[in-house]
Amino acid sequence: MILDVDEFIRRFILHILPPRFMKIRYFGLLGNRNKTKKLTLCKTLTNTKVLTKENISPLEILKKVSGKDFNLCPVCGIGHLIRPSPA
């Protein structure tokens, strides 16, 4: 989608709340109450894979979801990239 500058600014400003207003983040699908039940229901209704809570790293989750190994070297595709641990 290509927008004029004026239209982009107009749409951007629609997301800015007026003074003394506060965002409410306690309702809806991602509200804390029953969040897991609601998300599980949404995933079953949309036929999305439901990942169980396992102690796995984010890279392993990406590998499960995308099927791509992000530890492999992007140049040669053979070597593994290992992040240094913080000192």
N, C-alpha and C. Protein backbone atom coordinates (compact mmCIF):
# COMPACT_ATOMS: atom_id res chain seq x y z
N MET A 1 0.84 -1.17 0.00
CA MET A 1 0.00 0.00 0.00
C MET A 1 0.89 1.24 0.00
N ILE A 2 0.62 2.14 -0.88
CA ILE A 2 1.37 3.39 -0.95
C ILE A 2 0.44 4.52 -0.50
N LEU A 3 0.93 5.31 0.46
CA LEU A 3 0.13 6.42 1.00
C LEU A 3 0.85 7.73 0.80
N ASP A 4 0.06 8.79 0.67
CA ASP A 4 0.64 10.12 0.69
C ASP A 4 1.12 10.42 2.10
N VAL A 5 1.99 11.38 2.23
CA VAL A 5 2.51 11.74 3.55
C VAL A 5 1.38 12.19 4.47
N ASP A 6 0.49 13.00 3.96
CA ASP A 6 -0.63 13.50 4.78
C ASP A 6 -1.50 12.36 5.29
N GLU A 7 -1.80 11.39 4.42
CA GLU A 7 -2.65 10.27 4.83
C GLU A 7 -1.94 9.39 5.84
N PHE A 8 -0.63 9.18 5.67
CA PHE A 8 0.13 8.38 6.63
C PHE A 8 0.11 9.05 8.00
N ILE A 9 0.36 10.34 8.05
CA ILE A 9 0.37 11.07 9.32
C ILE A 9 -1.01 11.04 9.96
N ARG A 10 -2.07 11.18 9.15
CA ARG A 10 -3.43 11.13 9.67
C ARG A 10 -3.70 9.77 10.32
N ARG A 11 -3.33 8.71 9.64
CA ARG A 11 -3.56 7.37 10.20
C ARG A 11 -2.70 7.12 11.44
N PHE A 12 -1.48 7.63 11.43
CA PHE A 12 -0.60 7.47 12.58
C PHE A 12 -1.16 8.19 13.80
N ILE A 13 -1.66 9.39 13.60
CA ILE A 13 -2.19 10.20 14.71
C ILE A 13 -3.45 9.57 15.30
N LEU A 14 -4.17 8.78 14.52
CA LEU A 14 -5.35 8.10 15.05
C LEU A 14 -4.99 7.14 16.18
N HIS A 15 -3.73 6.69 16.24
CA HIS A 15 -3.31 5.76 17.28
C HIS A 15 -2.79 6.47 18.53
N ILE A 16 -2.72 7.77 18.52
CA ILE A 16 -2.23 8.52 19.67
C ILE A 16 -3.42 8.90 20.54
N LEU A 17 -3.34 8.56 21.81
CA LEU A 17 -4.44 8.87 22.71
C LEU A 17 -4.42 10.34 23.12
N PRO A 18 -5.61 10.92 23.37
CA PRO A 18 -5.66 12.29 23.86
C PRO A 18 -5.05 12.40 25.26
N PRO A 19 -4.72 13.61 25.70
CA PRO A 19 -4.14 13.78 27.04
C PRO A 19 -5.08 13.21 28.12
N ARG A 20 -4.49 12.65 29.16
CA ARG A 20 -5.17 12.09 30.33
C ARG A 20 -5.94 10.82 30.03
N PHE A 21 -5.82 10.25 28.82
CA PHE A 21 -6.41 8.95 28.52
C PHE A 21 -5.35 7.88 28.75
N MET A 22 -5.78 6.68 29.09
CA MET A 22 -4.83 5.61 29.36
C MET A 22 -5.28 4.36 28.61
N LYS A 23 -4.32 3.63 28.07
CA LYS A 23 -4.65 2.39 27.38
C LYS A 23 -5.10 1.34 28.38
N ILE A 24 -6.11 0.60 28.01
CA ILE A 24 -6.60 -0.48 28.86
C ILE A 24 -6.12 -1.79 28.25
N ARG A 25 -5.33 -2.52 28.99
CA ARG A 25 -4.76 -3.76 28.47
C ARG A 25 -5.23 -4.97 29.26
N TYR A 26 -6.31 -4.85 29.97
CA TYR A 26 -6.74 -5.93 30.84
C TYR A 26 -7.88 -6.73 30.25
N PHE A 27 -8.32 -6.41 29.06
CA PHE A 27 -9.47 -7.06 28.46
C PHE A 27 -9.08 -7.68 27.13
N GLY A 28 -9.97 -8.46 26.57
CA GLY A 28 -9.72 -9.04 25.26
C GLY A 28 -9.01 -10.38 25.36
N LEU A 29 -8.50 -10.82 24.23
CA LEU A 29 -7.87 -12.14 24.16
C LEU A 29 -6.61 -12.23 24.99
N LEU A 30 -5.86 -11.15 25.07
CA LEU A 30 -4.59 -11.20 25.77
C LEU A 30 -4.66 -10.68 27.19
N GLY A 31 -5.86 -10.49 27.72
CA GLY A 31 -6.00 -10.11 29.12
C GLY A 31 -5.53 -11.26 30.00
N ASN A 32 -5.07 -10.95 31.19
CA ASN A 32 -4.47 -11.98 32.05
C ASN A 32 -5.46 -13.06 32.47
N ARG A 33 -6.70 -12.70 32.66
CA ARG A 33 -7.67 -13.69 33.12
C ARG A 33 -8.01 -14.62 31.96
N ASN A 34 -7.79 -15.90 32.16
CA ASN A 34 -8.10 -16.95 31.17
C ASN A 34 -7.37 -16.78 29.85
N LYS A 35 -6.20 -16.18 29.88
CA LYS A 35 -5.45 -15.95 28.64
C LYS A 35 -5.13 -17.26 27.93
N THR A 36 -4.67 -18.23 28.67
CA THR A 36 -4.28 -19.49 28.03
C THR A 36 -5.48 -20.21 27.43
N LYS A 37 -6.62 -20.17 28.11
CA LYS A 37 -7.83 -20.81 27.57
C LYS A 37 -8.28 -20.12 26.30
N LYS A 38 -8.27 -18.78 26.30
CA LYS A 38 -8.72 -18.04 25.13
C LYS A 38 -7.79 -18.24 23.94
N LEU A 39 -6.49 -18.21 24.20
CA LEU A 39 -5.54 -18.41 23.11
C LEU A 39 -5.62 -19.84 22.56
N THR A 40 -5.82 -20.82 23.44
CA THR A 40 -5.96 -22.19 22.98
C THR A 40 -7.21 -22.34 22.12
N LEU A 41 -8.31 -21.71 22.54
CA LEU A 41 -9.53 -21.74 21.76
C LEU A 41 -9.34 -21.09 20.40
N CYS A 42 -8.67 -19.93 20.38
CA CYS A 42 -8.41 -19.24 19.11
C CYS A 42 -7.56 -20.10 18.18
N LYS A 43 -6.56 -20.77 18.75
CA LYS A 43 -5.68 -21.59 17.92
C LYS A 43 -6.42 -22.81 17.39
N THR A 44 -7.32 -23.39 18.17
CA THR A 44 -8.07 -24.54 17.65
C THR A 44 -9.06 -24.10 16.58
N LEU A 45 -9.69 -22.93 16.76
CA LEU A 45 -10.64 -22.44 15.77
C LEU A 45 -9.98 -22.06 14.45
N THR A 46 -8.72 -21.62 14.52
CA THR A 46 -8.01 -21.23 13.30
C THR A 46 -7.09 -22.33 12.79
N ASN A 47 -7.18 -23.52 13.38
CA ASN A 47 -6.34 -24.66 12.99
C ASN A 47 -4.86 -24.33 13.04
N THR A 48 -4.44 -23.61 14.08
CA THR A 48 -3.04 -23.27 14.29
C THR A 48 -2.44 -24.27 15.26
N LYS A 49 -1.17 -24.60 15.06
CA LYS A 49 -0.51 -25.53 15.95
C LYS A 49 -0.46 -24.96 17.36
N VAL A 50 -0.80 -25.79 18.34
CA VAL A 50 -0.73 -25.39 19.74
C VAL A 50 0.57 -25.94 20.30
N LEU A 51 1.50 -25.05 20.65
CA LEU A 51 2.77 -25.47 21.22
C LEU A 51 2.59 -25.66 22.72
N THR A 52 3.09 -26.78 23.21
CA THR A 52 3.00 -27.03 24.65
C THR A 52 4.13 -26.30 25.35
N LYS A 53 3.95 -26.07 26.64
CA LYS A 53 5.00 -25.39 27.41
C LYS A 53 6.11 -26.38 27.71
N GLU A 54 7.20 -26.18 27.04
CA GLU A 54 8.38 -27.00 27.28
C GLU A 54 9.52 -26.04 27.57
N ASN A 55 10.52 -26.55 28.21
CA ASN A 55 11.69 -25.72 28.48
C ASN A 55 12.64 -25.81 27.29
N ILE A 56 12.28 -25.11 26.22
CA ILE A 56 13.13 -25.10 25.04
C ILE A 56 13.47 -23.66 24.71
N SER A 57 14.57 -23.49 24.01
CA SER A 57 15.05 -22.15 23.69
C SER A 57 14.21 -21.55 22.56
N PRO A 58 14.24 -20.21 22.44
CA PRO A 58 13.52 -19.57 21.34
C PRO A 58 14.00 -20.04 19.96
N LEU A 59 15.28 -20.36 19.83
CA LEU A 59 15.78 -20.87 18.54
C LEU A 59 15.17 -22.23 18.21
N GLU A 60 14.96 -23.06 19.22
CA GLU A 60 14.33 -24.36 18.98
C GLU A 60 12.86 -24.18 18.60
N ILE A 61 12.19 -23.20 19.19
CA ILE A 61 10.80 -22.92 18.82
C ILE A 61 10.73 -22.46 17.37
N LEU A 62 11.65 -21.57 16.98
CA LEU A 62 11.69 -21.12 15.59
C LEU A 62 11.94 -22.28 14.64
N LYS A 63 12.80 -23.19 15.04
CA LYS A 63 13.09 -24.35 14.21
C LYS A 63 11.86 -25.23 14.05
N LYS A 64 11.09 -25.41 15.16
CA LYS A 64 9.86 -26.20 15.09
C LYS A 64 8.82 -25.55 14.19
N VAL A 65 8.66 -24.23 14.34
CA VAL A 65 7.60 -23.53 13.62
C VAL A 65 7.94 -23.36 12.14
N SER A 66 9.17 -22.90 11.87
CA SER A 66 9.53 -22.59 10.48
C SER A 66 10.20 -23.74 9.76
N GLY A 67 10.78 -24.68 10.50
CA GLY A 67 11.50 -25.76 9.87
C GLY A 67 12.89 -25.38 9.41
N LYS A 68 13.33 -24.18 9.77
CA LYS A 68 14.64 -23.69 9.35
C LYS A 68 15.54 -23.59 10.58
N ASP A 69 16.79 -24.04 10.44
CA ASP A 69 17.74 -23.99 11.55
C ASP A 69 18.51 -22.68 11.47
N PHE A 70 18.28 -21.80 12.44
CA PHE A 70 18.92 -20.49 12.44
C PHE A 70 20.32 -20.52 13.04
N ASN A 71 20.76 -21.68 13.52
CA ASN A 71 22.12 -21.81 14.02
C ASN A 71 23.12 -22.10 12.91
N LEU A 72 22.62 -22.47 11.73
CA LEU A 72 23.51 -22.77 10.62
C LEU A 72 24.09 -21.48 10.05
N CYS A 73 25.32 -21.59 9.59
CA CYS A 73 26.00 -20.44 8.98
C CYS A 73 25.25 -20.04 7.71
N PRO A 74 24.91 -18.75 7.55
CA PRO A 74 24.17 -18.32 6.36
C PRO A 74 25.02 -18.37 5.09
N VAL A 75 26.35 -18.41 5.22
CA VAL A 75 27.22 -18.42 4.05
C VAL A 75 27.41 -19.84 3.52
N CYS A 76 27.91 -20.72 4.38
CA CYS A 76 28.22 -22.07 3.90
C CYS A 76 27.09 -23.06 4.17
N GLY A 77 26.23 -22.79 5.15
CA GLY A 77 25.11 -23.68 5.46
C GLY A 77 25.52 -24.95 6.19
N ILE A 78 26.78 -25.03 6.61
CA ILE A 78 27.26 -26.24 7.27
C ILE A 78 27.61 -25.96 8.73
N GLY A 79 28.46 -24.96 8.96
CA GLY A 79 28.92 -24.65 10.30
C GLY A 79 27.81 -24.10 11.18
N HIS A 80 27.97 -24.26 12.48
CA HIS A 80 26.99 -23.77 13.44
C HIS A 80 27.46 -22.47 14.07
N LEU A 81 26.56 -21.53 14.21
CA LEU A 81 26.85 -20.27 14.87
C LEU A 81 26.53 -20.43 16.34
N ILE A 82 27.46 -20.05 17.19
CA ILE A 82 27.26 -20.15 18.64
C ILE A 82 27.47 -18.78 19.22
N ARG A 83 26.48 -18.31 19.98
CA ARG A 83 26.59 -17.00 20.61
C ARG A 83 27.46 -17.11 21.86
N PRO A 84 28.35 -16.16 22.06
CA PRO A 84 29.16 -16.19 23.29
C PRO A 84 28.29 -15.84 24.49
N SER A 85 28.55 -16.49 25.60
CA SER A 85 27.78 -16.21 26.81
C SER A 85 28.25 -14.88 27.39
N PRO A 86 27.32 -14.10 27.98
CA PRO A 86 27.74 -12.82 28.57
C PRO A 86 28.67 -13.04 29.75
N ALA A 87 29.67 -12.21 29.83
CA ALA A 87 30.68 -12.37 30.88
C ALA A 87 30.25 -11.72 32.17
